[in-house]
Amino acid sequence: MLVLTRKLKESIVIGDNIEVTVVDVKGDQVKLGIVAPSHVSVHRREVYEEIQRENRAAARARVQDLNSLTELVRKGRK
């Protein structure tokens, strides 16, 4: 992990097209402004983890649905 120190209104650049700026600091909270291309997803960690859980659940459901469909097709051919 790279650890950087930044002051209010200072930025870091990731790659060629992502900029993260310290917008505000209050107590133990830091507000960050992020400029990134529209094709780059930016999420808080807890939101990202929930999206991943939902995606895994949806993928499992699709496999189960496909298995059920396969069984229906097999039964229809008999």
N, C-alpha and C. Protein backbone atom coordinates (compact mmCIF):
# COMPACT_ATOMS: atom_id res chain seq x y z
N MET A 1 0.85 -1.18 0.00
CA MET A 1 0.00 0.00 0.00
C MET A 1 0.89 1.23 0.00
N LEU A 2 0.57 2.13 -0.89
CA LEU A 2 1.25 3.42 -0.94
C LEU A 2 0.51 4.37 0.00
N VAL A 3 1.22 5.03 0.89
CA VAL A 3 0.62 5.99 1.82
C VAL A 3 1.19 7.36 1.50
N LEU A 4 0.29 8.31 1.24
CA LEU A 4 0.70 9.67 0.90
C LEU A 4 0.08 10.65 1.88
N THR A 5 0.76 11.73 2.13
CA THR A 5 0.22 12.81 2.94
C THR A 5 -0.17 13.95 2.02
N ARG A 6 -1.39 14.45 2.19
CA ARG A 6 -1.88 15.56 1.39
C ARG A 6 -2.55 16.55 2.32
N LYS A 7 -2.46 17.81 1.98
CA LYS A 7 -3.14 18.86 2.72
C LYS A 7 -4.42 19.24 1.98
N LEU A 8 -5.23 20.05 2.64
CA LEU A 8 -6.47 20.53 2.04
C LEU A 8 -6.20 21.11 0.65
N LYS A 9 -7.01 20.71 -0.31
CA LYS A 9 -6.96 21.16 -1.71
C LYS A 9 -5.79 20.58 -2.49
N GLU A 10 -5.01 19.70 -1.90
CA GLU A 10 -3.94 19.02 -2.64
C GLU A 10 -4.50 17.73 -3.24
N SER A 11 -3.86 17.28 -4.30
CA SER A 11 -4.37 16.13 -5.05
C SER A 11 -3.31 15.07 -5.24
N ILE A 12 -3.79 13.90 -5.65
CA ILE A 12 -2.92 12.87 -6.20
C ILE A 12 -3.53 12.48 -7.55
N VAL A 13 -2.70 11.98 -8.44
CA VAL A 13 -3.15 11.55 -9.75
C VAL A 13 -2.86 10.07 -9.88
N ILE A 14 -3.86 9.31 -10.33
CA ILE A 14 -3.73 7.88 -10.54
C ILE A 14 -3.80 7.63 -12.04
N GLY A 15 -2.76 7.03 -12.57
CA GLY A 15 -2.72 6.84 -14.02
C GLY A 15 -2.70 8.19 -14.71
N ASP A 16 -3.32 8.23 -15.87
CA ASP A 16 -3.35 9.48 -16.64
C ASP A 16 -4.64 10.25 -16.49
N ASN A 17 -5.67 9.62 -15.84
CA ASN A 17 -6.98 10.26 -15.94
C ASN A 17 -7.83 10.20 -14.68
N ILE A 18 -7.22 9.92 -13.53
CA ILE A 18 -7.97 9.93 -12.27
C ILE A 18 -7.25 10.86 -11.31
N GLU A 19 -8.01 11.81 -10.77
CA GLU A 19 -7.45 12.76 -9.81
C GLU A 19 -8.28 12.73 -8.52
N VAL A 20 -7.60 12.61 -7.41
CA VAL A 20 -8.25 12.59 -6.10
C VAL A 20 -7.75 13.80 -5.33
N THR A 21 -8.69 14.64 -4.87
CA THR A 21 -8.36 15.89 -4.19
C THR A 21 -8.95 15.89 -2.79
N VAL A 22 -8.19 16.35 -1.81
CA VAL A 22 -8.71 16.53 -0.45
C VAL A 22 -9.56 17.80 -0.47
N VAL A 23 -10.88 17.64 -0.26
CA VAL A 23 -11.81 18.75 -0.34
C VAL A 23 -12.06 19.39 1.01
N ASP A 24 -12.10 18.56 2.07
CA ASP A 24 -12.41 19.06 3.41
C ASP A 24 -11.90 18.08 4.44
N VAL A 25 -11.51 18.60 5.60
CA VAL A 25 -11.10 17.78 6.73
C VAL A 25 -11.79 18.31 7.97
N LYS A 26 -12.56 17.43 8.64
CA LYS A 26 -13.24 17.81 9.88
C LYS A 26 -13.07 16.67 10.87
N GLY A 27 -12.32 16.91 11.93
CA GLY A 27 -12.10 15.85 12.92
C GLY A 27 -11.43 14.66 12.27
N ASP A 28 -12.08 13.49 12.40
CA ASP A 28 -11.49 12.27 11.84
C ASP A 28 -12.08 11.93 10.47
N GLN A 29 -12.79 12.87 9.84
CA GLN A 29 -13.35 12.64 8.52
C GLN A 29 -12.65 13.49 7.47
N VAL A 30 -12.45 12.88 6.32
CA VAL A 30 -11.83 13.56 5.20
C VAL A 30 -12.78 13.45 4.01
N LYS A 31 -13.07 14.56 3.36
CA LYS A 31 -13.87 14.53 2.14
C LYS A 31 -12.91 14.55 0.96
N LEU A 32 -13.15 13.62 0.04
CA LEU A 32 -12.32 13.53 -1.15
C LEU A 32 -13.16 13.83 -2.38
N GLY A 33 -12.60 14.57 -3.30
CA GLY A 33 -13.22 14.78 -4.60
C GLY A 33 -12.49 13.92 -5.60
N ILE A 34 -13.24 13.22 -6.44
CA ILE A 34 -12.63 12.30 -7.39
C ILE A 34 -13.09 12.66 -8.80
N VAL A 35 -12.14 12.88 -9.67
CA VAL A 35 -12.42 13.12 -11.08
C VAL A 35 -11.91 11.90 -11.84
N ALA A 36 -12.83 11.22 -12.52
CA ALA A 36 -12.46 10.02 -13.28
C ALA A 36 -13.35 9.93 -14.51
N PRO A 37 -12.88 9.25 -15.54
CA PRO A 37 -13.70 9.07 -16.74
C PRO A 37 -14.99 8.32 -16.39
N SER A 38 -16.01 8.51 -17.20
CA SER A 38 -17.31 7.91 -16.90
C SER A 38 -17.27 6.38 -16.94
N HIS A 39 -16.33 5.80 -17.64
CA HIS A 39 -16.25 4.33 -17.70
C HIS A 39 -15.56 3.72 -16.47
N VAL A 40 -15.04 4.56 -15.58
CA VAL A 40 -14.39 4.07 -14.37
C VAL A 40 -15.38 4.16 -13.22
N SER A 41 -15.66 3.02 -12.60
CA SER A 41 -16.57 3.00 -11.45
C SER A 41 -15.83 3.46 -10.20
N VAL A 42 -16.49 4.31 -9.43
CA VAL A 42 -15.91 4.78 -8.16
C VAL A 42 -16.97 4.56 -7.09
N HIS A 43 -16.65 3.75 -6.09
CA HIS A 43 -17.60 3.42 -5.02
C HIS A 43 -16.90 3.46 -3.67
N ARG A 44 -17.66 3.74 -2.62
CA ARG A 44 -17.16 3.51 -1.27
C ARG A 44 -16.97 2.01 -1.12
N ARG A 45 -16.02 1.58 -0.30
CA ARG A 45 -15.72 0.15 -0.15
C ARG A 45 -16.96 -0.66 0.20
N GLU A 46 -17.78 -0.18 1.16
CA GLU A 46 -18.94 -0.97 1.59
C GLU A 46 -19.96 -1.11 0.46
N VAL A 47 -20.08 -0.11 -0.38
CA VAL A 47 -20.99 -0.20 -1.53
C VAL A 47 -20.42 -1.19 -2.56
N TYR A 48 -19.13 -1.10 -2.81
CA TYR A 48 -18.48 -2.02 -3.74
C TYR A 48 -18.64 -3.47 -3.30
N GLU A 49 -18.45 -3.72 -2.01
CA GLU A 49 -18.59 -5.09 -1.50
C GLU A 49 -20.02 -5.59 -1.64
N GLU A 50 -21.01 -4.73 -1.42
CA GLU A 50 -22.41 -5.12 -1.60
C GLU A 50 -22.71 -5.43 -3.07
N ILE A 51 -22.18 -4.64 -3.97
CA ILE A 51 -22.35 -4.90 -5.40
C ILE A 51 -21.76 -6.26 -5.75
N GLN A 52 -20.58 -6.56 -5.22
CA GLN A 52 -19.95 -7.86 -5.48
C GLN A 52 -20.79 -9.01 -4.95
N ARG A 53 -21.35 -8.86 -3.74
CA ARG A 53 -22.23 -9.91 -3.17
C ARG A 53 -23.45 -10.12 -4.05
N GLU A 54 -24.06 -9.02 -4.48
CA GLU A 54 -25.24 -9.12 -5.34
C GLU A 54 -24.91 -9.78 -6.68
N ASN A 55 -23.76 -9.44 -7.23
CA ASN A 55 -23.34 -10.05 -8.50
C ASN A 55 -23.12 -11.55 -8.36
N ARG A 56 -22.49 -11.95 -7.25
CA ARG A 56 -22.28 -13.39 -7.02
C ARG A 56 -23.61 -14.10 -6.86
N ALA A 57 -24.54 -13.51 -6.12
CA ALA A 57 -25.86 -14.11 -5.92
C ALA A 57 -26.60 -14.22 -7.25
N ALA A 58 -26.52 -13.19 -8.06
CA ALA A 58 -27.19 -13.22 -9.36
C ALA A 58 -26.58 -14.29 -10.27
N ALA A 59 -25.27 -14.44 -10.21
CA ALA A 59 -24.61 -15.46 -11.04
C ALA A 59 -25.04 -16.85 -10.60
N ARG A 60 -25.15 -17.08 -9.31
CA ARG A 60 -25.61 -18.39 -8.81
C ARG A 60 -27.05 -18.63 -9.25
N ALA A 61 -27.89 -17.63 -9.17
CA ALA A 61 -29.28 -17.77 -9.56
C ALA A 61 -29.38 -18.12 -11.04
N ARG A 62 -28.55 -17.52 -11.84
CA ARG A 62 -28.59 -17.78 -13.28
C ARG A 62 -28.20 -19.22 -13.58
N VAL A 63 -27.21 -19.74 -12.87
CA VAL A 63 -26.80 -21.13 -13.06
C VAL A 63 -27.94 -22.06 -12.66
N GLN A 64 -28.58 -21.78 -11.55
CA GLN A 64 -29.71 -22.59 -11.11
C GLN A 64 -30.85 -22.51 -12.12
N ASP A 65 -31.14 -21.32 -12.63
CA ASP A 65 -32.19 -21.16 -13.63
C ASP A 65 -31.84 -21.95 -14.89
N LEU A 66 -30.58 -21.90 -15.30
CA LEU A 66 -30.16 -22.62 -16.49
C LEU A 66 -30.30 -24.13 -16.28
N ASN A 67 -29.95 -24.61 -15.09
CA ASN A 67 -30.10 -26.04 -14.79
C ASN A 67 -31.58 -26.44 -14.84
N SER A 68 -32.44 -25.60 -14.30
CA SER A 68 -33.88 -25.88 -14.34
C SER A 68 -34.39 -25.90 -15.77
N LEU A 69 -33.96 -24.97 -16.57
CA LEU A 69 -34.36 -24.91 -17.97
C LEU A 69 -33.88 -26.15 -18.71
N THR A 70 -32.66 -26.57 -18.46
CA THR A 70 -32.10 -27.76 -19.10
C THR A 70 -32.96 -28.99 -18.76
N GLU A 71 -33.35 -29.09 -17.51
CA GLU A 71 -34.20 -30.21 -17.10
C GLU A 71 -35.55 -30.17 -17.81
N LEU A 72 -36.15 -29.01 -17.93
CA LEU A 72 -37.42 -28.87 -18.63
C LEU A 72 -37.30 -29.29 -20.09
N VAL A 73 -36.23 -28.89 -20.74
CA VAL A 73 -36.00 -29.23 -22.14
C VAL A 73 -35.83 -30.74 -22.27
N ARG A 74 -35.05 -31.33 -21.38
CA ARG A 74 -34.85 -32.79 -21.42
C ARG A 74 -36.16 -33.54 -21.24
N LYS A 75 -36.96 -33.07 -20.30
CA LYS A 75 -38.25 -33.73 -20.05
C LYS A 75 -39.18 -33.59 -21.26
N GLY A 76 -39.11 -32.47 -21.95
CA GLY A 76 -39.95 -32.22 -23.11
C GLY A 76 -39.58 -33.10 -24.29
N ARG A 77 -38.34 -33.53 -24.36
CA ARG A 77 -37.87 -34.36 -25.49
C ARG A 77 -38.25 -35.83 -25.30
N LYS A 78 -38.58 -36.22 -24.09
CA LYS A 78 -38.89 -37.64 -23.81
C LYS A 78 -40.28 -37.99 -24.19
